Structure formats: structure tokens, C-alpha cells
Amino acid sequence: MRTLPAAVAPVLVGTSLSSEIKWVNALLALVVALALQIAVNFANDYSDGVRGTDTNRVGPTRLVASGLANATSVKTASLLSFLVAAIAGSLLAFNTSLWLILVGAISILAAWGYTGGKRPYGYLGFGEFSVFVFFGLVATVGSYYVQAEQISLNAVLLAIPMGSLSCAILVVNNLRDRPQDELVGKRTMAVRFGDLKTRSFYAFLLITAQVSAALAAIIDPKILISLIWIPLTYSTLMQVLNGAVGKDLIAILGKTARLQLLIALTLATTLFI
């Protein structure tokens, strides 16, 4: 799954910010993040499939829409993944703070509500905001919290590049699907903004990620090494600004995910050493 780096990256960064790593908590946080990402992918496949949104999809094959799996099986896979996230999250809560159970419950509801339910907010253009919050702020700050049992402004700062790049992954995904989404009434941000503004927003997110990562040098000057990814950032955003469409955007989605993972690994390594 091309979007899995969006789950791994913030956990790496948040965990590495701690001066003393609790490896059990780090592993549980990673399980929660990965299980939620897998769960939301299955949930989207199920919900979009039963609505008929993916009938003429340009992107990677969806299980329900293509007939490779029935809707009930995909829904069950999603619920099982949510269960794994809930179990790992509960263990984390017992190790740290029971308030994490509430955070986890909200995260699961948000993951399902993206395309599920009677009024999925992903169909109303709020998907990017949710991704920034949950795969940026909550994942990064939460990963730090289960280590240090406190919230740090440094963790919030490091959450910005993670959230921005997670958001950029969704933006390029929705940009690719924009023509079909518009036809079926799925009012994503890309549909609402239109093609040109969506491409500009993508560029803004990548620039924000690179700049905020560099600003994190106030935590540790070695973080400036993250600037080595400026050429990759530039080439990726220029492909989008130059009008890449359809299947070309699938490759750019993967490239955006790799950029996020590379920046996360750079930040995590410099913080760890």
C-alpha cells in the first residue's frame, strides 16, 4: 500500500524526540498507526465500492469495485484492523494514560467517517484537514507522549512536516480522481478547488513540509540535514505543477510517500543520535 509511510513516518519522528525510548510503547504506537492506516484503506474501499464511486477509477484497483472481493469481506477486514488498533491502543493507554482510549476512539470514528456513514466528510471536502490532524498532529505528538508522558511544543513543530506530507498524499490522490469524483458527486477538496488551485495547494504543502522541517533545527541543529531532500521536493512538486494527470499521478503519490518517509528518517536519525 503506497500510503503506509504516512502511518510509519510520524511514529518514527515522535518516538525519536524522546530522550529515552520505551521500545514496547514505540512498537505499540507503530501497530496502532499501521492498523488504522490499513483499516481506513479497507473502509474506503468498502464505502466507495458500495456507493459506486470507484466504478471508473483511474487509480490502483479497488477490491469491491473490481469484484475481486465482496463488500462484506472488505468491511470485515476493515473492522478487524480497527480491532487490532483498538487493542494496541488500549495497551498503550494502560501503560501511560487512560485518556488515550478517548483519543483512540475519536481516531477510529474519524477513520470510518471519512467515506463511511450517511454523510462522509471526505465527500464534503474535509479529508485533508482530518489527515493533517490525525496523521500529523495526533500521530506525532501522541508517539512522543507515550514515551515522555507529556506534550511538547517541539513535538507539535515536528508534526507539521509529517501532517503536511500526509495531507499532500491525499491531495495528489484526489487530484487524480477529481474528474470521476465530480461526476459522481464526491465533493473532495480537489473538486471544490478545481485543478489549478489543487496543484498550487499541493505545492504549498510540500514547501511547508520542507520549511517546517528545517525550522525544527531549533531543537537540534543537525536537523538542517533534512535540506538534502529539497531537490526531491522540487522535482515532485514541479511534476504536479506541470500538469501531470491520470496514471502519472499514481507514481507521484508514491514519490510523495517516499519523500515523507525520507524526511521522517532524516529527522528521526538526527534526533536519535
C-alpha atoms as a PDB file:
ATOM      1  CA  MET A   1       0.000   0.000   0.000  1.00  0.00           C
ATOM      2  CA  ARG A   2       1.534   3.295  -1.118  1.00  0.00           C
ATOM      3  CA  THR A   3       0.085   5.214   1.842  1.00  0.00           C
ATOM      4  CA  LEU A   4       1.717   3.156   4.628  1.00  0.00           C
ATOM      5  CA  PRO A   5       4.633   5.627   5.008  1.00  0.00           C
ATOM      6  CA  ALA A   6       2.024   8.132   6.232  1.00  0.00           C
ATOM      7  CA  ALA A   7       1.489   5.829   9.219  1.00  0.00           C
ATOM      8  CA  VAL A   8       5.133   4.962   9.912  1.00  0.00           C
ATOM      9  CA  ALA A   9       6.709   8.411   9.484  1.00  0.00           C
ATOM     10  CA  PRO A  10       5.070  10.343  12.369  1.00  0.00           C
ATOM     11  CA  VAL A  11       5.681   7.462  14.796  1.00  0.00           C
ATOM     12  CA  LEU A  12       9.380   7.461  13.919  1.00  0.00           C
ATOM     13  CA  VAL A  13       9.674  11.202  14.427  1.00  0.00           C
ATOM     14  CA  GLY A  14       7.629  11.454  17.621  1.00  0.00           C
ATOM     15  CA  THR A  15       9.391   8.488  19.199  1.00  0.00           C
ATOM     16  CA  SER A  16      12.875   9.743  18.350  1.00  0.00           C
ATOM     17  CA  LEU A  17      12.212  13.082  20.043  1.00  0.00           C
ATOM     18  CA  SER A  18      12.203  11.335  23.424  1.00  0.00           C
ATOM     19  CA  SER A  19      15.499  11.299  25.320  1.00  0.00           C
ATOM     20  CA  GLU A  20      14.865   7.724  26.497  1.00  0.00           C
ATOM     21  CA  ILE A  21      12.857   5.405  24.272  1.00  0.00           C
ATOM     22  CA  LYS A  22      10.388   2.904  25.706  1.00  0.00           C
ATOM     23  CA  TRP A  23      10.542   0.310  22.975  1.00  0.00           C
ATOM     24  CA  VAL A  24       7.344  -1.528  23.912  1.00  0.00           C
ATOM     25  CA  ASN A  25       5.363   1.713  23.703  1.00  0.00           C
ATOM     26  CA  ALA A  26       7.076   2.578  20.423  1.00  0.00           C
ATOM     27  CA  LEU A  27       6.091  -0.787  18.946  1.00  0.00           C
ATOM     28  CA  LEU A  28       2.501  -0.446  20.156  1.00  0.00           C
ATOM     29  CA  ALA A  29       2.279   3.067  18.693  1.00  0.00           C
ATOM     30  CA  LEU A  30       3.522   1.733  15.364  1.00  0.00           C
ATOM     31  CA  VAL A  31       0.953  -1.090  15.428  1.00  0.00           C
ATOM     32  CA  VAL A  32      -1.829   1.436  16.133  1.00  0.00           C
ATOM     33  CA  ALA A  33      -0.744   3.693  13.275  1.00  0.00           C
ATOM     34  CA  LEU A  34      -0.336   0.885  10.741  1.00  0.00           C
ATOM     35  CA  ALA A  35      -3.588  -0.819  11.749  1.00  0.00           C
ATOM     36  CA  LEU A  36      -5.511   2.446  11.427  1.00  0.00           C
ATOM     37  CA  GLN A  37      -3.994   3.135   8.002  1.00  0.00           C
ATOM     38  CA  ILE A  38      -4.855  -0.357   6.777  1.00  0.00           C
ATOM     39  CA  ALA A  39      -8.325  -0.107   8.320  1.00  0.00           C
ATOM     40  CA  VAL A  40      -9.107   3.201   6.639  1.00  0.00           C
ATOM     41  CA  ASN A  41      -7.912   1.845   3.290  1.00  0.00           C
ATOM     42  CA  PHE A  42     -10.262  -1.134   3.586  1.00  0.00           C
ATOM     43  CA  ALA A  43     -13.061   1.127   4.872  1.00  0.00           C
ATOM     44  CA  ASN A  44     -12.662   3.465   1.896  1.00  0.00           C
ATOM     45  CA  ASP A  45     -12.619   0.507  -0.484  1.00  0.00           C
ATOM     46  CA  TYR A  46     -15.845  -0.795   1.066  1.00  0.00           C
ATOM     47  CA  SER A  47     -17.726   2.503   1.348  1.00  0.00           C
ATOM     48  CA  ASP A  48     -16.747   3.846  -2.072  1.00  0.00           C
ATOM     49  CA  GLY A  49     -17.413   0.440  -3.606  1.00  0.00           C
ATOM     50  CA  VAL A  50     -20.970   0.087  -2.323  1.00  0.00           C
ATOM     51  CA  ARG A  51     -21.709   3.686  -3.347  1.00  0.00           C
ATOM     52  CA  GLY A  52     -20.400   3.057  -6.869  1.00  0.00           C
ATOM     53  CA  THR A  53     -17.845   5.861  -6.607  1.00  0.00           C
ATOM     54  CA  ASP A  54     -14.975   3.680  -7.852  1.00  0.00           C
ATOM     55  CA  THR A  55     -16.713   2.220 -10.910  1.00  0.00           C
ATOM     56  CA  ASN A  56     -14.423   4.035 -13.386  1.00  0.00           C
ATOM     57  CA  ARG A  57     -11.440   4.563 -11.080  1.00  0.00           C
ATOM     58  CA  VAL A  58      -8.104   5.622 -12.614  1.00  0.00           C
ATOM     59  CA  GLY A  59      -6.007   4.695  -9.586  1.00  0.00           C
ATOM     60  CA  PRO A  60      -4.983   1.296  -8.181  1.00  0.00           C
ATOM     61  CA  THR A  61      -7.623  -1.431  -8.344  1.00  0.00           C
ATOM     62  CA  ARG A  62     -10.182  -1.419  -5.529  1.00  0.00           C
ATOM     63  CA  LEU A  63     -11.390  -4.784  -4.242  1.00  0.00           C
ATOM     64  CA  VAL A  64     -15.139  -4.133  -4.090  1.00  0.00           C
ATOM     65  CA  ALA A  65     -15.465  -2.047  -7.253  1.00  0.00           C
ATOM     66  CA  SER A  66     -13.441  -4.537  -9.315  1.00  0.00           C
ATOM     67  CA  GLY A  67     -15.271  -7.569  -7.938  1.00  0.00           C
ATOM     68  CA  LEU A  68     -12.056  -9.121  -6.551  1.00  0.00           C
ATOM     69  CA  ALA A  69     -13.717  -9.335  -3.124  1.00  0.00           C
ATOM     70  CA  ASN A  70     -17.262  -8.906  -1.897  1.00  0.00           C
ATOM     71  CA  ALA A  71     -18.254  -5.919   0.183  1.00  0.00           C
ATOM     72  CA  THR A  72     -18.853  -7.954   3.340  1.00  0.00           C
ATOM     73  CA  SER A  73     -15.321  -9.400   3.290  1.00  0.00           C
ATOM     74  CA  VAL A  74     -13.717  -5.984   2.831  1.00  0.00           C
ATOM     75  CA  LYS A  75     -15.836  -4.486   5.594  1.00  0.00           C
ATOM     76  CA  THR A  76     -14.835  -7.345   7.899  1.00  0.00           C
ATOM     77  CA  ALA A  77     -11.151  -6.783   7.087  1.00  0.00           C
ATOM     78  CA  SER A  78     -11.593  -3.117   7.965  1.00  0.00           C
ATOM     79  CA  LEU A  79     -13.302  -3.887  11.275  1.00  0.00           C
ATOM     80  CA  LEU A  80     -10.626  -6.433  12.206  1.00  0.00           C
ATOM     81  CA  SER A  81      -7.927  -3.843  11.508  1.00  0.00           C
ATOM     82  CA  PHE A  82      -9.763  -1.336  13.675  1.00  0.00           C
ATOM     83  CA  LEU A  83      -9.912  -4.002  16.402  1.00  0.00           C
ATOM     84  CA  VAL A  84      -6.142  -4.510  16.234  1.00  0.00           C
ATOM     85  CA  ALA A  85      -5.665  -0.739  16.543  1.00  0.00           C
ATOM     86  CA  ALA A  86      -8.070  -0.616  19.492  1.00  0.00           C
ATOM     87  CA  ILE A  87      -6.293  -3.440  21.345  1.00  0.00           C
ATOM     88  CA  ALA A  88      -2.826  -1.973  20.819  1.00  0.00           C
ATOM     89  CA  GLY A  89      -4.122   1.481  21.735  1.00  0.00           C
ATOM     90  CA  SER A  90      -5.718   0.173  24.926  1.00  0.00           C
ATOM     91  CA  LEU A  91      -2.433  -1.415  25.982  1.00  0.00           C
ATOM     92  CA  LEU A  92      -0.737   1.927  25.357  1.00  0.00           C
ATOM     93  CA  ALA A  93      -3.357   3.680  27.444  1.00  0.00           C
ATOM     94  CA  PHE A  94      -2.829   1.288  30.371  1.00  0.00           C
ATOM     95  CA  ASN A  95       0.919   1.901  30.087  1.00  0.00           C
ATOM     96  CA  THR A  96       0.559   5.693  30.059  1.00  0.00           C
ATOM     97  CA  SER A  97      -2.812   7.451  30.373  1.00  0.00           C
ATOM     98  CA  LEU A  98      -6.393   6.221  30.061  1.00  0.00           C
ATOM     99  CA  TRP A  99      -7.187   9.438  28.183  1.00  0.00           C
ATOM    100  CA  LEU A 100      -5.598   7.753  25.165  1.00  0.00           C
ATOM    101  CA  ILE A 101      -8.637   5.482  24.955  1.00  0.00           C
ATOM    102  CA  LEU A 102     -10.758   8.540  24.133  1.00  0.00           C
ATOM    103  CA  VAL A 103      -8.195   9.749  21.588  1.00  0.00           C
ATOM    104  CA  GLY A 104      -8.182   6.308  20.004  1.00  0.00           C
ATOM    105  CA  ALA A 105     -11.965   6.128  19.843  1.00  0.00           C
ATOM    106  CA  ILE A 106     -12.130   9.523  18.129  1.00  0.00           C
ATOM    107  CA  SER A 107      -9.423   8.427  15.691  1.00  0.00           C
ATOM    108  CA  ILE A 108     -11.346   5.283  14.758  1.00  0.00           C
ATOM    109  CA  LEU A 109     -14.582   7.206  14.291  1.00  0.00           C
ATOM    110  CA  ALA A 110     -12.750   9.735  12.104  1.00  0.00           C
ATOM    111  CA  ALA A 111     -11.188   6.955  10.033  1.00  0.00           C
ATOM    112  CA  TRP A 112     -14.552   5.291   9.389  1.00  0.00           C
ATOM    113  CA  GLY A 113     -16.387   8.564   8.853  1.00  0.00           C
ATOM    114  CA  TYR A 114     -14.085   9.666   6.034  1.00  0.00           C
ATOM    115  CA  THR A 115     -16.091   7.719   3.461  1.00  0.00           C
ATOM    116  CA  GLY A 116     -18.488   5.763   5.698  1.00  0.00           C
ATOM    117  CA  GLY A 117     -21.872   6.665   7.177  1.00  0.00           C
ATOM    118  CA  LYS A 118     -24.697   8.761   5.798  1.00  0.00           C
ATOM    119  CA  ARG A 119     -22.667  11.978   5.460  1.00  0.00           C
ATOM    120  CA  PRO A 120     -18.997  11.062   4.988  1.00  0.00           C
ATOM    121  CA  TYR A 121     -16.866  14.151   5.500  1.00  0.00           C
ATOM    122  CA  GLY A 122     -14.443  13.055   2.778  1.00  0.00           C
ATOM    123  CA  TYR A 123     -17.284  13.689   0.321  1.00  0.00           C
ATOM    124  CA  LEU A 124     -17.633  17.223   1.679  1.00  0.00           C
ATOM    125  CA  GLY A 125     -14.015  18.331   1.244  1.00  0.00           C
ATOM    126  CA  PHE A 126     -12.728  17.893   4.817  1.00  0.00           C
ATOM    127  CA  GLY A 127     -10.487  14.880   4.241  1.00  0.00           C
ATOM    128  CA  GLU A 128      -7.247  16.862   4.084  1.00  0.00           C
ATOM    129  CA  PHE A 129      -7.962  18.614   7.373  1.00  0.00           C
ATOM    130  CA  SER A 130      -8.624  15.283   9.068  1.00  0.00           C
ATOM    131  CA  VAL A 131      -5.446  13.725   7.683  1.00  0.00           C
ATOM    132  CA  PHE A 132      -3.348  16.662   8.897  1.00  0.00           C
ATOM    133  CA  VAL A 133      -4.850  16.354  12.382  1.00  0.00           C
ATOM    134  CA  PHE A 134      -4.736  12.571  12.811  1.00  0.00           C
ATOM    135  CA  PHE A 135      -1.727  11.523  10.699  1.00  0.00           C
ATOM    136  CA  GLY A 136       0.209  14.643  11.626  1.00  0.00           C
ATOM    137  CA  LEU A 137      -0.586  16.168  14.990  1.00  0.00           C
ATOM    138  CA  VAL A 138      -2.141  13.192  16.783  1.00  0.00           C
ATOM    139  CA  ALA A 139       0.278  10.582  15.437  1.00  0.00           C
ATOM    140  CA  THR A 140       3.461  12.585  16.022  1.00  0.00           C
ATOM    141  CA  VAL A 141       2.560  14.222  19.328  1.00  0.00           C
ATOM    142  CA  GLY A 142       0.910  11.008  20.512  1.00  0.00           C
ATOM    143  CA  SER A 143       4.021   8.957  19.725  1.00  0.00           C
ATOM    144  CA  TYR A 144       6.078  11.386  21.780  1.00  0.00           C
ATOM    145  CA  TYR A 145       3.516  11.392  24.586  1.00  0.00           C
ATOM    146  CA  VAL A 146       3.624   7.617  25.077  1.00  0.00           C
ATOM    147  CA  GLN A 147       7.375   7.991  25.582  1.00  0.00           C
ATOM    148  CA  ALA A 148       7.609  11.079  27.797  1.00  0.00           C
ATOM    149  CA  GLU A 149       4.020  11.245  29.111  1.00  0.00           C
ATOM    150  CA  GLN A 150       3.863  14.950  28.349  1.00  0.00           C
ATOM    151  CA  ILE A 151       3.042  17.168  25.375  1.00  0.00           C
ATOM    152  CA  SER A 152       5.886  19.209  23.916  1.00  0.00           C
ATOM    153  CA  LEU A 153       5.877  22.191  21.559  1.00  0.00           C
ATOM    154  CA  ASN A 154       8.832  20.535  19.845  1.00  0.00           C
ATOM    155  CA  ALA A 155       6.606  17.561  19.046  1.00  0.00           C
ATOM    156  CA  VAL A 156       3.961  19.916  17.647  1.00  0.00           C
ATOM    157  CA  LEU A 157       6.591  21.569  15.434  1.00  0.00           C
ATOM    158  CA  LEU A 158       7.771  18.195  14.126  1.00  0.00           C
ATOM    159  CA  ALA A 159       4.156  17.218  13.472  1.00  0.00           C
ATOM    160  CA  ILE A 160       3.813  19.986  10.866  1.00  0.00           C
ATOM    161  CA  PRO A 161       6.022  18.417   8.163  1.00  0.00           C
ATOM    162  CA  MET A 162       4.506  14.992   8.882  1.00  0.00           C
ATOM    163  CA  GLY A 163       0.954  16.315   8.657  1.00  0.00           C
ATOM    164  CA  SER A 164       1.689  18.396   5.577  1.00  0.00           C
ATOM    165  CA  LEU A 165       3.131  15.448   3.671  1.00  0.00           C
ATOM    166  CA  SER A 166       0.336  13.092   4.755  1.00  0.00           C
ATOM    167  CA  CYS A 167      -2.097  15.728   3.531  1.00  0.00           C
ATOM    168  CA  ALA A 168      -0.143  16.054   0.253  1.00  0.00           C
ATOM    169  CA  ILE A 169      -0.533  12.310  -0.348  1.00  0.00           C
ATOM    170  CA  LEU A 170      -4.303  12.686  -0.122  1.00  0.00           C
ATOM    171  CA  VAL A 171      -4.295  15.828  -2.270  1.00  0.00           C
ATOM    172  CA  VAL A 172      -2.490  14.135  -5.160  1.00  0.00           C
ATOM    173  CA  ASN A 173      -4.785  11.114  -4.775  1.00  0.00           C
ATOM    174  CA  ASN A 174      -7.876  13.330  -5.004  1.00  0.00           C
ATOM    175  CA  LEU A 175      -6.363  15.335  -7.851  1.00  0.00           C
ATOM    176  CA  ARG A 176      -6.026  12.107  -9.817  1.00  0.00           C
ATOM    177  CA  ASP A 177      -9.636  11.124  -9.075  1.00  0.00           C
ATOM    178  CA  ARG A 178     -11.085  14.626  -9.466  1.00  0.00           C
ATOM    179  CA  PRO A 179     -12.870  14.157 -12.838  1.00  0.00           C
ATOM    180  CA  GLN A 180     -14.606  10.938 -11.742  1.00  0.00           C
ATOM    181  CA  ASP A 181     -15.360  12.265  -8.244  1.00  0.00           C
ATOM    182  CA  GLU A 182     -17.021  15.309  -9.753  1.00  0.00           C
ATOM    183  CA  LEU A 183     -19.217  13.108 -11.945  1.00  0.00           C
ATOM    184  CA  VAL A 184     -20.465  11.020  -9.000  1.00  0.00           C
ATOM    185  CA  GLY A 185     -20.967  13.988  -6.662  1.00  0.00           C
ATOM    186  CA  LYS A 186     -17.990  13.345  -4.390  1.00  0.00           C
ATOM    187  CA  ARG A 187     -17.096  16.914  -3.396  1.00  0.00           C
ATOM    188  CA  THR A 188     -13.491  16.465  -2.303  1.00  0.00           C
ATOM    189  CA  MET A 189     -11.265  19.491  -1.824  1.00  0.00           C
ATOM    190  CA  ALA A 190      -9.865  18.868  -5.313  1.00  0.00           C
ATOM    191  CA  VAL A 191     -13.369  19.059  -6.775  1.00  0.00           C
ATOM    192  CA  ARG A 192     -14.166  22.195  -4.781  1.00  0.00           C
ATOM    193  CA  PHE A 193     -10.861  23.935  -5.563  1.00  0.00           C
ATOM    194  CA  GLY A 194     -10.581  22.907  -9.193  1.00  0.00           C
ATOM    195  CA  ASP A 195      -7.487  21.604 -10.951  1.00  0.00           C
ATOM    196  CA  LEU A 196      -5.157  24.622 -10.805  1.00  0.00           C
ATOM    197  CA  LYS A 197      -5.785  25.571  -7.159  1.00  0.00           C
ATOM    198  CA  THR A 198      -5.400  21.941  -6.080  1.00  0.00           C
ATOM    199  CA  ARG A 199      -1.986  21.779  -7.746  1.00  0.00           C
ATOM    200  CA  SER A 200      -0.985  25.027  -6.023  1.00  0.00           C
ATOM    201  CA  PHE A 201      -2.188  23.660  -2.693  1.00  0.00           C
ATOM    202  CA  TYR A 202      -0.058  20.546  -3.207  1.00  0.00           C
ATOM    203  CA  ALA A 203       2.981  22.729  -3.840  1.00  0.00           C
ATOM    204  CA  PHE A 204       2.187  24.749  -0.699  1.00  0.00           C
ATOM    205  CA  LEU A 205       2.086  21.566   1.378  1.00  0.00           C
ATOM    206  CA  LEU A 206       5.430  20.298   0.108  1.00  0.00           C
ATOM    207  CA  ILE A 207       7.073  23.679   0.688  1.00  0.00           C
ATOM    208  CA  THR A 208       5.547  23.888   4.163  1.00  0.00           C
ATOM    209  CA  ALA A 209       6.883  20.432   4.980  1.00  0.00           C
ATOM    210  CA  GLN A 210      10.413  21.251   3.870  1.00  0.00           C
ATOM    211  CA  VAL A 211      10.498  24.652   5.585  1.00  0.00           C
ATOM    212  CA  SER A 212       8.985  23.434   8.871  1.00  0.00           C
ATOM    213  CA  ALA A 213      11.402  20.510   8.944  1.00  0.00           C
ATOM    214  CA  ALA A 214      14.292  22.954   8.572  1.00  0.00           C
ATOM    215  CA  LEU A 215      12.837  25.223  11.286  1.00  0.00           C
ATOM    216  CA  ALA A 216      12.967  22.242  13.645  1.00  0.00           C
ATOM    217  CA  ALA A 217      16.709  22.906  13.740  1.00  0.00           C
ATOM    218  CA  ILE A 218      15.890  24.960  16.853  1.00  0.00           C
ATOM    219  CA  ILE A 219      15.512  21.563  18.533  1.00  0.00           C
ATOM    220  CA  ASP A 220      18.780  20.217  17.162  1.00  0.00           C
ATOM    221  CA  PRO A 221      20.948  21.984  14.538  1.00  0.00           C
ATOM    222  CA  LYS A 222      21.706  18.622  12.910  1.00  0.00           C
ATOM    223  CA  ILE A 223      18.112  18.598  11.648  1.00  0.00           C
ATOM    224  CA  LEU A 224      19.219  21.021   8.909  1.00  0.00           C
ATOM    225  CA  ILE A 225      20.479  17.942   7.090  1.00  0.00           C
ATOM    226  CA  SER A 226      16.844  17.464   6.047  1.00  0.00           C
ATOM    227  CA  LEU A 227      17.545  20.141   3.427  1.00  0.00           C
ATOM    228  CA  ILE A 228      19.187  17.426   1.329  1.00  0.00           C
ATOM    229  CA  TRP A 229      15.681  16.472   0.218  1.00  0.00           C
ATOM    230  CA  ILE A 230      14.975  19.861  -1.398  1.00  0.00           C
ATOM    231  CA  PRO A 231      15.800  18.521  -4.915  1.00  0.00           C
ATOM    232  CA  LEU A 232      13.314  15.665  -4.464  1.00  0.00           C
ATOM    233  CA  THR A 233      10.727  18.080  -3.095  1.00  0.00           C
ATOM    234  CA  TYR A 234      11.258  20.401  -6.057  1.00  0.00           C
ATOM    235  CA  SER A 235      11.110  17.701  -8.728  1.00  0.00           C
ATOM    236  CA  THR A 236       7.963  16.213  -7.207  1.00  0.00           C
ATOM    237  CA  LEU A 237       6.030  19.464  -6.956  1.00  0.00           C
ATOM    238  CA  MET A 238       7.140  20.550 -10.439  1.00  0.00           C
ATOM    239  CA  GLN A 239       5.680  17.364 -11.916  1.00  0.00           C
ATOM    240  CA  VAL A 240       2.339  18.316 -10.399  1.00  0.00           C
ATOM    241  CA  LEU A 241       2.593  21.990 -11.369  1.00  0.00           C
ATOM    242  CA  ASN A 242       3.486  20.998 -14.934  1.00  0.00           C
ATOM    243  CA  GLY A 243       0.163  19.217 -15.312  1.00  0.00           C
ATOM    244  CA  ALA A 244       0.640  15.509 -14.591  1.00  0.00           C
ATOM    245  CA  VAL A 245      -2.706  13.713 -14.836  1.00  0.00           C
ATOM    246  CA  GLY A 246      -4.258  10.267 -14.545  1.00  0.00           C
ATOM    247  CA  LYS A 247      -1.873   7.362 -14.044  1.00  0.00           C
ATOM    248  CA  ASP A 248       1.147   9.691 -13.887  1.00  0.00           C
ATOM    249  CA  LEU A 249      -0.232  10.927 -10.578  1.00  0.00           C
ATOM    250  CA  ILE A 250      -0.090   7.387  -9.171  1.00  0.00           C
ATOM    251  CA  ALA A 251       3.697   7.489  -9.454  1.00  0.00           C
ATOM    252  CA  ILE A 252       3.753  10.972  -7.924  1.00  0.00           C
ATOM    253  CA  LEU A 253       1.656   9.716  -4.998  1.00  0.00           C
ATOM    254  CA  GLY A 254       4.298   7.045  -4.358  1.00  0.00           C
ATOM    255  CA  LYS A 255       7.043   9.641  -4.718  1.00  0.00           C
ATOM    256  CA  THR A 256       5.304  11.891  -2.176  1.00  0.00           C
ATOM    257  CA  ALA A 257       5.055   8.984   0.268  1.00  0.00           C
ATOM    258  CA  ARG A 258       8.763   8.232  -0.183  1.00  0.00           C
ATOM    259  CA  LEU A 259       9.586  11.892   0.411  1.00  0.00           C
ATOM    260  CA  GLN A 260       7.674  11.798   3.676  1.00  0.00           C
ATOM    261  CA  LEU A 261       9.457   8.643   4.804  1.00  0.00           C
ATOM    262  CA  LEU A 262      12.881  10.014   3.832  1.00  0.00           C
ATOM    263  CA  ILE A 263      12.325  13.285   5.703  1.00  0.00           C
ATOM    264  CA  ALA A 264      10.991  11.328   8.695  1.00  0.00           C
ATOM    265  CA  LEU A 265      14.013   9.018   8.704  1.00  0.00           C
ATOM    266  CA  THR A 266      16.332  12.028   8.490  1.00  0.00           C
ATOM    267  CA  LEU A 267      14.599  13.799  11.374  1.00  0.00           C
ATOM    268  CA  ALA A 268      14.426  10.620  13.456  1.00  0.00           C
ATOM    269  CA  THR A 269      18.094   9.753  12.879  1.00  0.00           C
ATOM    270  CA  THR A 270      19.356  13.210  13.810  1.00  0.00           C
ATOM    271  CA  LEU A 271      17.195  13.278  16.928  1.00  0.00           C
ATOM    272  CA  PHE A 272      18.182   9.753  17.950  1.00  0.00           C
ATOM    273  CA  ILE A 273      21.931  10.329  17.711  1.00  0.00           C
END
